[in-house]
PDB file of N, CA and C in Angstrom:
ATOM      1  N   UNK A   1       3.308 -13.347   0.578  1.00  0.00           N
ATOM      2  CA  UNK A   1       3.809 -12.410   1.036  1.00  0.00           C
ATOM      3  C   UNK A   1       3.812 -11.877   2.759  1.00  0.00           C
ATOM      4  N   UNK A   2       4.379 -11.353   2.915  1.00  0.00           N
ATOM      5  CA  UNK A   2       5.121 -11.065   4.538  1.00  0.00           C
ATOM      6  C   UNK A   2       4.902  -9.613   4.872  1.00  0.00           C
ATOM      7  N   UNK A   3       4.192  -9.543   5.992  1.00  0.00           N
ATOM      8  CA  UNK A   3       3.713  -8.287   6.396  1.00  0.00           C
ATOM      9  C   UNK A   3       4.184  -8.142   7.833  1.00  0.00           C
ATOM     10  N   UNK A   4       4.578  -6.710   8.221  1.00  0.00           N
ATOM     11  CA  UNK A   4       4.690  -6.603   9.580  1.00  0.00           C
ATOM     12  C   UNK A   4       4.481  -4.773   9.931  1.00  0.00           C
ATOM     13  N   UNK A   5       4.280  -5.108  11.388  1.00  0.00           N
ATOM     14  CA  UNK A   5       4.359  -3.730  11.524  1.00  0.00           C
ATOM     15  C   UNK A   5       4.357  -3.250  13.170  1.00  0.00           C
ATOM     16  N   UNK A   6       3.736  -2.223  13.963  1.00  0.00           N
ATOM     17  CA  UNK A   6       4.640  -1.954  15.181  1.00  0.00           C
ATOM     18  C   UNK A   6       3.018  -1.563  15.540  1.00  0.00           C
ATOM     19  N   UNK A   7       2.786  -2.343  16.626  1.00  0.00           N
ATOM     20  CA  UNK A   7       0.968  -2.818  16.956  1.00  0.00           C
ATOM     21  C   UNK A   7       0.741  -1.377  17.678  1.00  0.00           C
ATOM     22  N   UNK A   8       1.511  -0.955  18.374  1.00  0.00           N
ATOM     23  CA  UNK A   8       1.039   0.291  19.043  1.00  0.00           C
ATOM     24  C   UNK A   8       0.964   1.208  17.600  1.00  0.00           C
ATOM     25  N   UNK A   9       1.373   1.161  16.582  1.00  0.00           N
ATOM     26  CA  UNK A   9       0.815   2.065  15.445  1.00  0.00           C
ATOM     27  C   UNK A   9      -0.508   1.165  14.170  1.00  0.00           C
ATOM     28  N   UNK A  10      -0.567  -0.006  14.557  1.00  0.00           N
ATOM     29  CA  UNK A  10      -1.671  -0.371  14.000  1.00  0.00           C
ATOM     30  C   UNK A  10      -2.959  -0.492  14.994  1.00  0.00           C
ATOM     31  N   UNK A  11      -3.004  -0.083  16.227  1.00  0.00           N
ATOM     32  CA  UNK A  11      -3.736   0.201  17.141  1.00  0.00           C
ATOM     33  C   UNK A  11      -4.467   1.741  16.697  1.00  0.00           C
ATOM     34  N   UNK A  12      -3.139   2.848  16.581  1.00  0.00           N
ATOM     35  CA  UNK A  12      -3.813   3.912  16.543  1.00  0.00           C
ATOM     36  C   UNK A  12      -4.304   4.263  14.909  1.00  0.00           C
ATOM     37  N   UNK A  13      -3.970   3.114  13.747  1.00  0.00           N
ATOM     38  CA  UNK A  13      -4.637   3.318  12.785  1.00  0.00           C
ATOM     39  C   UNK A  13      -5.693   2.852  12.524  1.00  0.00           C
ATOM     40  N   UNK A  14      -6.071   1.831  13.833  1.00  0.00           N
ATOM     41  CA  UNK A  14      -7.332   1.653  14.079  1.00  0.00           C
ATOM     42  C   UNK A  14      -8.373   2.465  14.792  1.00  0.00           C
ATOM     43  N   UNK A  15      -8.078   3.181  15.648  1.00  0.00           N
ATOM     44  CA  UNK A  15      -8.226   4.601  16.021  1.00  0.00           C
ATOM     45  C   UNK A  15      -8.836   5.419  15.200  1.00  0.00           C
ATOM     46  N   UNK A  16      -7.814   5.681  14.462  1.00  0.00           N
ATOM     47  CA  UNK A  16      -7.888   6.327  13.662  1.00  0.00           C
ATOM     48  C   UNK A  16      -8.607   6.938  11.919  1.00  0.00           C
ATOM     49  N   UNK A  17      -8.479   4.868  11.794  1.00  0.00           N
ATOM     50  CA  UNK A  17      -8.985   4.619  10.300  1.00  0.00           C
ATOM     51  C   UNK A  17     -10.333   4.135  10.059  1.00  0.00           C
ATOM     52  N   UNK A  18     -10.251   3.256  11.670  1.00  0.00           N
ATOM     53  CA  UNK A  18     -11.302   2.162  11.602  1.00  0.00           C
ATOM     54  C   UNK A  18     -10.945   0.808  10.532  1.00  0.00           C
ATOM     55  N   UNK A  19      -9.067   1.158   9.716  1.00  0.00           N
ATOM     56  CA  UNK A  19      -9.324   0.024   9.287  1.00  0.00           C
ATOM     57  C   UNK A  19      -8.160  -0.843   9.692  1.00  0.00           C
ATOM     58  N   UNK A  20      -7.963  -2.204  10.076  1.00  0.00           N
ATOM     59  CA  UNK A  20      -6.582  -2.969  10.616  1.00  0.00           C
ATOM     60  C   UNK A  20      -5.635  -3.418   9.384  1.00  0.00           C
ATOM     61  N   UNK A  21      -4.759  -3.290   9.945  1.00  0.00           N
ATOM     62  CA  UNK A  21      -3.141  -3.555   8.926  1.00  0.00           C
ATOM     63  C   UNK A  21      -3.370  -5.189   8.004  1.00  0.00           C
ATOM     64  N   UNK A  22      -4.012  -5.833   9.130  1.00  0.00           N
ATOM     65  CA  UNK A  22      -4.549  -7.181   8.621  1.00  0.00           C
ATOM     66  C   UNK A  22      -5.269  -7.250   7.464  1.00  0.00           C
ATOM     67  N   UNK A  23      -6.123  -7.033   6.889  1.00  0.00           N
ATOM     68  CA  UNK A  23      -6.600  -6.361   5.866  1.00  0.00           C
ATOM     69  C   UNK A  23      -5.344  -6.054   4.623  1.00  0.00           C
ATOM     70  N   UNK A  24      -4.416  -5.420   4.992  1.00  0.00           N
ATOM     71  CA  UNK A  24      -2.945  -5.605   3.557  1.00  0.00           C
ATOM     72  C   UNK A  24      -3.243  -6.859   2.851  1.00  0.00           C
ATOM     73  N   UNK A  25      -3.470  -8.030   3.746  1.00  0.00           N
ATOM     74  CA  UNK A  25      -3.213  -9.571   3.197  1.00  0.00           C
ATOM     75  C   UNK A  25      -4.040  -9.706   1.947  1.00  0.00           C
ATOM     76  N   UNK A  26      -4.988  -8.846   2.243  1.00  0.00           N
ATOM     77  CA  UNK A  26      -6.262  -8.883   0.778  1.00  0.00           C
ATOM     78  C   UNK A  26      -6.016  -8.095  -0.131  1.00  0.00           C
ATOM     79  N   UNK A  27      -4.633  -7.380  -0.113  1.00  0.00           N
ATOM     80  CA  UNK A  27      -4.544  -5.873  -1.689  1.00  0.00           C
ATOM     81  C   UNK A  27      -4.306  -7.092  -2.725  1.00  0.00           C
ATOM     82  N   UNK A  28      -5.189  -6.140  -3.648  1.00  0.00           N
ATOM     83  CA  UNK A  28      -4.217  -6.619  -5.192  1.00  0.00           C
ATOM     84  C   UNK A  28      -3.660  -6.553  -5.667  1.00  0.00           C
ATOM     85  N   UNK A  29      -2.054  -6.884  -5.576  1.00  0.00           N
ATOM     86  CA  UNK A  29      -1.132  -6.455  -5.773  1.00  0.00           C
ATOM     87  C   UNK A  29      -0.678  -6.168  -7.332  1.00  0.00           C
ATOM     88  N   UNK A  30      -1.364  -7.422  -7.915  1.00  0.00           N
ATOM     89  CA  UNK A  30      -1.859  -7.209  -9.553  1.00  0.00           C
ATOM     90  C   UNK A  30      -2.378  -6.233 -10.643  1.00  0.00           C
ATOM     91  N   UNK A  31      -3.241  -4.704  -9.466  1.00  0.00           N
ATOM     92  CA  UNK A  31      -3.443  -4.225 -10.482  1.00  0.00           C
ATOM     93  C   UNK A  31      -3.828  -2.665  -9.206  1.00  0.00           C
ATOM     94  N   UNK A  32      -2.625  -3.158  -8.672  1.00  0.00           N
ATOM     95  CA  UNK A  32      -2.337  -2.076  -7.936  1.00  0.00           C
ATOM     96  C   UNK A  32      -1.455  -0.674  -8.445  1.00  0.00           C
ATOM     97  N   UNK A  33      -1.575   0.565  -7.803  1.00  0.00           N
ATOM     98  CA  UNK A  33      -0.708   1.799  -7.945  1.00  0.00           C
ATOM     99  C   UNK A  33       0.055   1.780  -7.072  1.00  0.00           C
ATOM    100  N   UNK A  34       1.404   2.233  -7.094  1.00  0.00           N
ATOM    101  CA  UNK A  34       2.512   2.128  -6.587  1.00  0.00           C
ATOM    102  C   UNK A  34       3.165   3.194  -7.053  1.00  0.00           C
ATOM    103  N   UNK A  35       3.485   4.489  -5.991  1.00  0.00           N
ATOM    104  CA  UNK A  35       4.110   5.706  -6.237  1.00  0.00           C
ATOM    105  C   UNK A  35       4.953   5.453  -4.678  1.00  0.00           C
ATOM    106  N   UNK A  36       6.216   6.486  -5.066  1.00  0.00           N
ATOM    107  CA  UNK A  36       7.002   6.652  -4.481  1.00  0.00           C
ATOM    108  C   UNK A  36       6.220   7.749  -2.875  1.00  0.00           C
ATOM    109  N   UNK A  37       6.971   7.866  -1.846  1.00  0.00           N
ATOM    110  CA  UNK A  37       6.520   9.028  -1.025  1.00  0.00           C
ATOM    111  C   UNK A  37       7.838   9.878  -0.701  1.00  0.00           C
ATOM    112  N   UNK A  38       7.735  10.960  -1.461  1.00  0.00           N
ATOM    113  CA  UNK A  38       9.013  11.637  -1.606  1.00  0.00           C
ATOM    114  C   UNK A  38       9.152  12.637  -0.539  1.00  0.00           C
ATOM    115  N   UNK A  39       7.584  13.236  -0.089  1.00  0.00           N
ATOM    116  CA  UNK A  39       7.437  14.452   0.709  1.00  0.00           C
ATOM    117  C   UNK A  39       8.334  14.961   1.639  1.00  0.00           C
ATOM    118  N   UNK A  40       8.819  14.109   2.399  1.00  0.00           N
ATOM    119  CA  UNK A  40       9.647  14.473   3.773  1.00  0.00           C
ATOM    120  C   UNK A  40      11.239  13.436   3.089  1.00  0.00           C
ATOM    121  N   UNK A  41      12.308  13.335   3.775  1.00  0.00           N
ATOM    122  CA  UNK A  41      13.027  12.609   4.247  1.00  0.00           C
ATOM    123  C   UNK A  41      13.150  11.915   5.688  1.00  0.00           C
ATOM    124  N   UNK A  42      12.172  10.611   4.844  1.00  0.00           N
ATOM    125  CA  UNK A  42      12.133   9.395   5.875  1.00  0.00           C
ATOM    126  C   UNK A  42      13.266   9.107   6.748  1.00  0.00           C
ATOM    127  N   UNK A  43      14.035   8.811   5.953  1.00  0.00           N
ATOM    128  CA  UNK A  43      15.905   8.186   6.241  1.00  0.00           C
ATOM    129  C   UNK A  43      15.224   6.450   5.824  1.00  0.00           C
ATOM    130  N   UNK A  44      14.061   6.288   5.144  1.00  0.00           N
ATOM    131  CA  UNK A  44      14.208   4.668   4.302  1.00  0.00           C
ATOM    132  C   UNK A  44      12.963   5.221   3.045  1.00  0.00           C
ATOM    133  N   UNK A  45      13.008   4.286   2.210  1.00  0.00           N
ATOM    134  CA  UNK A  45      12.462   4.273   1.128  1.00  0.00           C
ATOM    135  C   UNK A  45      10.670   4.184   1.895  1.00  0.00           C
ATOM    136  N   UNK A  46      10.190   4.978   1.085  1.00  0.00           N
ATOM    137  CA  UNK A  46       8.329   4.730   1.331  1.00  0.00           C
ATOM    138  C   UNK A  46       7.877   5.233   0.255  1.00  0.00           C
ATOM    139  N   UNK A  47       6.970   4.226   0.560  1.00  0.00           N
ATOM    140  CA  UNK A  47       5.839   4.184  -0.821  1.00  0.00           C
ATOM    141  C   UNK A  47       4.453   4.084  -0.647  1.00  0.00           C
ATOM    142  N   UNK A  48       3.340   4.535  -1.387  1.00  0.00           N
ATOM    143  CA  UNK A  48       2.250   4.040  -1.293  1.00  0.00           C
ATOM    144  C   UNK A  48       1.638   3.613  -2.915  1.00  0.00           C
ATOM    145  N   UNK A  49       0.614   2.408  -1.957  1.00  0.00           N
ATOM    146  CA  UNK A  49      -0.164   1.355  -3.255  1.00  0.00           C
ATOM    147  C   UNK A  49      -1.426   2.197  -2.624  1.00  0.00           C
ATOM    148  N   UNK A  50      -2.216   1.906  -3.777  1.00  0.00           N
ATOM    149  CA  UNK A  50      -3.070   2.388  -4.274  1.00  0.00           C
ATOM    150  C   UNK A  50      -4.066   0.828  -4.710  1.00  0.00           C
ATOM    151  N   UNK A  51      -4.948   0.032  -4.357  1.00  0.00           N
ATOM    152  CA  UNK A  51      -5.376  -1.064  -4.169  1.00  0.00           C
ATOM    153  C   UNK A  51      -6.281  -1.189  -4.033  1.00  0.00           C
ATOM    154  N   UNK A  52      -6.959  -2.413  -4.669  1.00  0.00           N
ATOM    155  CA  UNK A  52      -8.426  -3.129  -3.734  1.00  0.00           C
ATOM    156  C   UNK A  52      -8.140  -3.809  -2.878  1.00  0.00           C
ATOM    157  N   UNK A  53      -9.085  -3.930  -2.200  1.00  0.00           N
ATOM    158  CA  UNK A  53      -8.964  -4.881  -1.148  1.00  0.00           C
ATOM    159  C   UNK A  53     -10.385  -5.268  -0.949  1.00  0.00           C
ATOM    160  N   UNK A  54     -10.949  -6.589  -1.771  1.00  0.00           N
ATOM    161  CA  UNK A  54     -12.715  -6.925  -1.758  1.00  0.00           C
ATOM    162  C   UNK A  54     -12.633  -5.630  -2.556  1.00  0.00           C
ATOM    163  N   UNK A  55     -14.156  -5.053  -2.616  1.00  0.00           N
ATOM    164  CA  UNK A  55     -14.617  -4.253  -3.285  1.00  0.00           C
ATOM    165  C   UNK A  55     -14.234  -2.951  -3.149  1.00  0.00           C
ATOM    166  N   UNK A  56     -13.029  -2.401  -2.358  1.00  0.00           N
ATOM    167  CA  UNK A  56     -12.731  -1.086  -2.068  1.00  0.00           C
ATOM    168  C   UNK A  56     -11.481  -0.977  -2.149  1.00  0.00           C
ATOM    169  N   UNK A  57     -11.227   0.603  -2.626  1.00  0.00           N
ATOM    170  CA  UNK A  57      -9.789   0.801  -3.092  1.00  0.00           C
ATOM    171  C   UNK A  57      -9.234   1.106  -1.587  1.00  0.00           C
ATOM    172  N   UNK A  58      -7.855   1.125  -1.394  1.00  0.00           N
ATOM    173  CA  UNK A  58      -7.618   1.657  -0.011  1.00  0.00           C
ATOM    174  C   UNK A  58      -6.171   1.907  -0.709  1.00  0.00           C
ATOM    175  N   UNK A  59      -5.330   3.341   0.330  1.00  0.00           N
ATOM    176  CA  UNK A  59      -4.099   3.581   0.521  1.00  0.00           C
ATOM    177  C   UNK A  59      -3.128   2.548   1.445  1.00  0.00           C
ATOM    178  N   UNK A  60      -2.562   2.373   0.711  1.00  0.00           N
ATOM    179  CA  UNK A  60      -1.650   1.362   2.067  1.00  0.00           C
ATOM    180  C   UNK A  60      -0.030   1.921   1.691  1.00  0.00           C
ATOM    181  N   UNK A  61       0.556   2.933   3.048  1.00  0.00           N
ATOM    182  CA  UNK A  61       1.759   3.336   2.935  1.00  0.00           C
ATOM    183  C   UNK A  61       2.665   2.590   3.335  1.00  0.00           C
ATOM    184  N   UNK A  62       3.907   2.105   3.116  1.00  0.00           N
ATOM    185  CA  UNK A  62       4.818   0.884   3.201  1.00  0.00           C
ATOM    186  C   UNK A  62       6.275   0.851   3.033  1.00  0.00           C
ATOM    187  N   UNK A  63       6.923   0.701   3.823  1.00  0.00           N
ATOM    188  CA  UNK A  63       8.375   0.741   3.040  1.00  0.00           C
ATOM    189  C   UNK A  63       8.605  -0.997   2.724  1.00  0.00           C
ATOM    190  N   UNK A  64       9.755  -1.539   2.193  1.00  0.00           N
ATOM    191  CA  UNK A  64      10.428  -2.312   1.920  1.00  0.00           C
ATOM    192  C   UNK A  64      11.510  -2.697   3.117  1.00  0.00           C
ATOM    193  N   UNK A  65      11.440  -3.906   3.071  1.00  0.00           N
ATOM    194  CA  UNK A  65      12.602  -4.849   4.379  1.00  0.00           C
ATOM    195  C   UNK A  65      13.357  -5.245   3.360  1.00  0.00           C
ATOM    196  N   UNK A  66      14.525  -5.000   3.665  1.00  0.00           N
ATOM    197  CA  UNK A  66      15.225  -6.188   2.895  1.00  0.00           C
ATOM    198  C   UNK A  66      15.425  -7.843   2.733  1.00  0.00           C
ATOM    199  N   UNK A  67      14.198  -7.998   3.616  1.00  0.00           N
ATOM    200  CA  UNK A  67      14.258  -9.991   3.388  1.00  0.00           C
ATOM    201  C   UNK A  67      12.864 -10.003   2.471  1.00  0.00           C
ATOM    202  N   UNK A  68      12.224  -9.018   1.831  1.00  0.00           N
ATOM    203  CA  UNK A  68      11.388  -8.745   1.323  1.00  0.00           C
ATOM    204  C   UNK A  68       9.944  -8.575   1.905  1.00  0.00           C
ATOM    205  N   UNK A  69      10.137  -8.099   3.061  1.00  0.00           N
ATOM    206  CA  UNK A  69       8.670  -8.239   4.006  1.00  0.00           C
ATOM    207  C   UNK A  69       7.951  -6.767   3.471  1.00  0.00           C
ATOM    208  N   UNK A  70       7.008  -6.514   4.081  1.00  0.00           N
ATOM    209  CA  UNK A  70       6.365  -5.443   3.508  1.00  0.00           C
ATOM    210  C   UNK A  70       5.816  -4.860   5.244  1.00  0.00           C
ATOM    211  N   UNK A  71       6.998  -3.940   5.743  1.00  0.00           N
ATOM    212  CA  UNK A  71       6.444  -3.037   6.595  1.00  0.00           C
ATOM    213  C   UNK A  71       5.766  -1.866   6.571  1.00  0.00           C
ATOM    214  N   UNK A  72       4.064  -2.389   7.597  1.00  0.00           N
ATOM    215  CA  UNK A  72       3.292  -1.245   7.133  1.00  0.00           C
ATOM    216  C   UNK A  72       2.649  -0.090   8.504  1.00  0.00           C
ATOM    217  N   UNK A  73       2.817   1.250   7.392  1.00  0.00           N
ATOM    218  CA  UNK A  73       3.401   1.967   8.202  1.00  0.00           C
ATOM    219  C   UNK A  73       1.717   2.892   8.252  1.00  0.00           C
ATOM    220  N   UNK A  74       0.819   2.794   7.325  1.00  0.00           N
ATOM    221  CA  UNK A  74      -0.771   3.504   7.231  1.00  0.00           C
ATOM    222  C   UNK A  74      -1.603   2.451   6.299  1.00  0.00           C
ATOM    223  N   UNK A  75      -2.679   2.550   6.622  1.00  0.00           N
ATOM    224  CA  UNK A  75      -3.859   1.466   5.790  1.00  0.00           C
ATOM    225  C   UNK A  75      -5.162   2.350   6.161  1.00  0.00           C
ATOM    226  N   UNK A  76      -5.648   2.527   4.568  1.00  0.00           N
ATOM    227  CA  UNK A  76      -6.760   3.299   4.752  1.00  0.00           C
ATOM    228  C   UNK A  76      -7.859   3.671   3.733  1.00  0.00           C
ATOM    229  N   UNK A  77      -9.053   4.039   4.108  1.00  0.00           N
ATOM    230  CA  UNK A  77      -9.602   3.447   2.469  1.00  0.00           C
ATOM    231  C   UNK A  77      -9.174   4.832   1.634  1.00  0.00           C
ATOM    232  N   UNK A  78      -9.002   4.923   0.383  1.00  0.00           N
ATOM    233  CA  UNK A  78      -8.896   5.823  -0.442  1.00  0.00           C
ATOM    234  C   UNK A  78      -9.780   6.977  -0.550  1.00  0.00           C
ATOM    235  N   UNK A  79      -9.474   7.876  -0.399  1.00  0.00           N
ATOM    236  CA  UNK A  79     -10.252   9.458  -0.288  1.00  0.00           C
ATOM    237  C   UNK A  79     -10.879   9.581  -1.915  1.00  0.00           C
ATOM    238  N   UNK A  80     -11.491  10.365  -1.928  1.00  0.00           N
ATOM    239  CA  UNK A  80     -12.013  10.782  -3.677  1.00  0.00           C
ATOM    240  C   UNK A  80     -10.966  11.063  -4.616  1.00  0.00           C
ATOM    241  N   UNK A  81     -10.279  11.667  -4.171  1.00  0.00           N
ATOM    242  CA  UNK A  81      -9.336  12.391  -4.877  1.00  0.00           C
ATOM    243  C   UNK A  81      -8.699  11.176  -5.156  1.00  0.00           C
ATOM    244  N   UNK A  82      -7.810  10.286  -4.762  1.00  0.00           N
ATOM    245  CA  UNK A  82      -7.222   9.556  -4.384  1.00  0.00           C
ATOM    246  C   UNK A  82      -7.993   7.946  -5.826  1.00  0.00           C
ATOM    247  N   UNK A  83      -9.413   7.524  -5.701  1.00  0.00           N
ATOM    248  CA  UNK A  83     -10.207   7.457  -6.499  1.00  0.00           C
ATOM    249  C   UNK A  83      -9.757   7.690  -7.941  1.00  0.00           C
ATOM    250  N   UNK A  84      -9.850   8.673  -8.316  1.00  0.00           N
ATOM    251  CA  UNK A  84      -9.851   9.924  -9.352  1.00  0.00           C
ATOM    252  C   UNK A  84      -8.661   9.436  -9.847  1.00  0.00           C
ATOM    253  N   UNK A  85      -7.197   9.694  -9.036  1.00  0.00           N
ATOM    254  CA  UNK A  85      -6.291   9.544  -9.664  1.00  0.00           C
ATOM    255  C   UNK A  85      -5.878   7.930  -9.952  1.00  0.00           C
ATOM    256  N   UNK A  86      -6.559   7.220  -9.394  1.00  0.00           N
ATOM    257  CA  UNK A  86      -6.609   5.858  -9.627  1.00  0.00           C
ATOM    258  C   UNK A  86      -6.992   5.272 -10.893  1.00  0.00           C
ATOM    259  N   UNK A  87      -8.562   5.876 -11.108  1.00  0.00           N
ATOM    260  CA  UNK A  87      -9.224   6.156 -12.492  1.00  0.00           C
ATOM    261  C   UNK A  87      -8.157   5.732 -13.297  1.00  0.00           C
ATOM    262  N   UNK A  88      -7.398   7.406 -14.011  1.00  0.00           N
ATOM    263  CA  UNK A  88      -7.356   7.952 -14.401  1.00  0.00           C
ATOM    264  C   UNK A  88      -5.982   6.989 -14.611  1.00  0.00           C
ATOM    265  N   UNK A  89      -5.060   6.349 -13.627  1.00  0.00           N
ATOM    266  CA  UNK A  89      -4.429   5.653 -14.456  1.00  0.00           C
ATOM    267  C   UNK A  89      -4.312   4.310 -14.778  1.00  0.00           C
ATOM    268  N   UNK A  90      -5.515   3.702 -14.396  1.00  0.00           N
ATOM    269  CA  UNK A  90      -5.765   2.481 -15.233  1.00  0.00           C
ATOM    270  C   UNK A  90      -6.434   2.929 -16.480  1.00  0.00           C
ATOM    271  N   UNK A  91      -7.170   4.305 -16.467  1.00  0.00           N
ATOM    272  CA  UNK A  91      -7.486   4.254 -18.345  1.00  0.00           C
ATOM    273  C   UNK A  91      -6.132   4.538 -18.930  1.00  0.00           C
ATOM    274  N   UNK A  92      -5.442   5.078 -18.551  1.00  0.00           N
ATOM    275  CA  UNK A  92      -4.136   5.519 -19.007  1.00  0.00           C
ATOM    276  C   UNK A  92      -2.693   3.811 -19.407  1.00  0.00           C
ATOM    277  N   UNK A  93      -3.487   2.794 -18.971  1.00  0.00           N
ATOM    278  CA  UNK A  93      -2.967   2.113 -18.933  1.00  0.00           C
ATOM    279  C   UNK A  93      -1.846   1.631 -18.313  1.00  0.00           C
ATOM    280  N   UNK A  94      -1.831   2.757 -17.076  1.00  0.00           N
ATOM    281  CA  UNK A  94      -0.334   2.496 -15.807  1.00  0.00           C
ATOM    282  C   UNK A  94      -0.357   1.745 -14.602  1.00  0.00           C
ATOM    283  N   UNK A  95      -1.234   0.999 -14.443  1.00  0.00           N
ATOM    284  CA  UNK A  95      -1.488  -0.106 -13.876  1.00  0.00           C
ATOM    285  C   UNK A  95      -0.821  -1.503 -14.189  1.00  0.00           C
ATOM    286  N   UNK A  96       0.566  -1.666 -13.646  1.00  0.00           N
ATOM    287  CA  UNK A  96       1.285  -2.779 -14.419  1.00  0.00           C
ATOM    288  C   UNK A  96       1.617  -3.266 -13.384  1.00  0.00           C
ATOM    289  N   UNK A  97       0.848  -3.119 -11.798  1.00  0.00           N
ATOM    290  CA  UNK A  97       1.148  -3.784 -10.944  1.00  0.00           C
ATOM    291  C   UNK A  97       2.462  -3.638 -10.474  1.00  0.00           C
ATOM    292  N   UNK A  98       2.202  -4.599  -8.935  1.00  0.00           N
ATOM    293  CA  UNK A  98       3.245  -3.848  -7.834  1.00  0.00           C
ATOM    294  C   UNK A  98       3.854  -4.635  -7.461  1.00  0.00           C
ATOM    295  N   UNK A  99       4.817  -5.724  -7.351  1.00  0.00           N
ATOM    296  CA  UNK A  99       5.661  -6.207  -6.278  1.00  0.00           C
ATOM    297  C   UNK A  99       6.558  -5.971  -5.441  1.00  0.00           C
ATOM    298  N   UNK A 100       6.193  -5.776  -4.294  1.00  0.00           N
ATOM    299  CA  UNK A 100       7.197  -5.601  -3.278  1.00  0.00           C
ATOM    300  C   UNK A 100       8.502  -5.832  -3.094  1.00  0.00           C
ATOM    301  N   UNK A 101       8.538  -7.359  -3.381  1.00  0.00           N
ATOM    302  CA  UNK A 101       9.579  -8.152  -3.333  1.00  0.00           C
ATOM    303  C   UNK A 101      10.459  -7.531  -4.466  1.00  0.00           C
ATOM    304  N   UNK A 102      10.260  -6.752  -5.495  1.00  0.00           N
ATOM    305  CA  UNK A 102      11.198  -6.912  -6.431  1.00  0.00           C
ATOM    306  C   UNK A 102      11.490  -7.390  -7.707  1.00  0.00           C
ATOM    307  N   UNK A 103      11.430  -7.371  -8.672  1.00  0.00           N
ATOM    308  CA  UNK A 103      11.544  -7.595 -10.140  1.00  0.00           C
ATOM    309  C   UNK A 103      11.986  -9.247  -9.758  1.00  0.00           C
ATOM    310  N   UNK A 104      11.356  -9.857 -10.255  1.00  0.00           N
ATOM    311  CA  UNK A 104      11.649 -11.364 -10.364  1.00  0.00           C
ATOM    312  C   UNK A 104      11.170 -12.252  -9.473  1.00  0.00           C
ATOM    313  N   UNK A 105      10.620 -11.464  -8.414  1.00  0.00           N
ATOM    314  CA  UNK A 105      10.190 -12.633  -7.228  1.00  0.00           C
ATOM    315  C   UNK A 105       9.354 -13.338  -7.641  1.00  0.00           C
ATOM    316  N   UNK A 106       8.952 -13.959  -6.717  1.00  0.00           N
ATOM    317  CA  UNK A 106       7.775 -14.766  -6.936  1.00  0.00           C
ATOM    318  C   UNK A 106       7.194 -15.633  -5.495  1.00  0.00           C
ATOM    319  N   UNK A 107       6.031 -14.828  -5.425  1.00  0.00           N
ATOM    320  CA  UNK A 107       5.479 -15.385  -3.683  1.00  0.00           C
ATOM    321  C   UNK A 107       3.838 -16.083  -3.658  1.00  0.00           C
TER     322      UNK A 107
END
């Protein structure tokens, strides 16, 4: 899986959340929960994925690129409410996994 980001945004994310975008490479997509972010008119598809990196749940905000690349907008530790939502989704069997490259893709 390929990732890209704006370096200034990465530095701002490090300062604000203490999390490096490079950690996204370890996200466990096969057990992730992805929801579309429709709060604002961003002018592009935007998603939030809740998934584990090592032993901690994270929230990754990203947008897909036409070439299958994941463009990272934000990465932070999931908050308590998000952890509860993820747990509920897991109990309901709603964690089908996410493949940002689209259906039928392999990485």
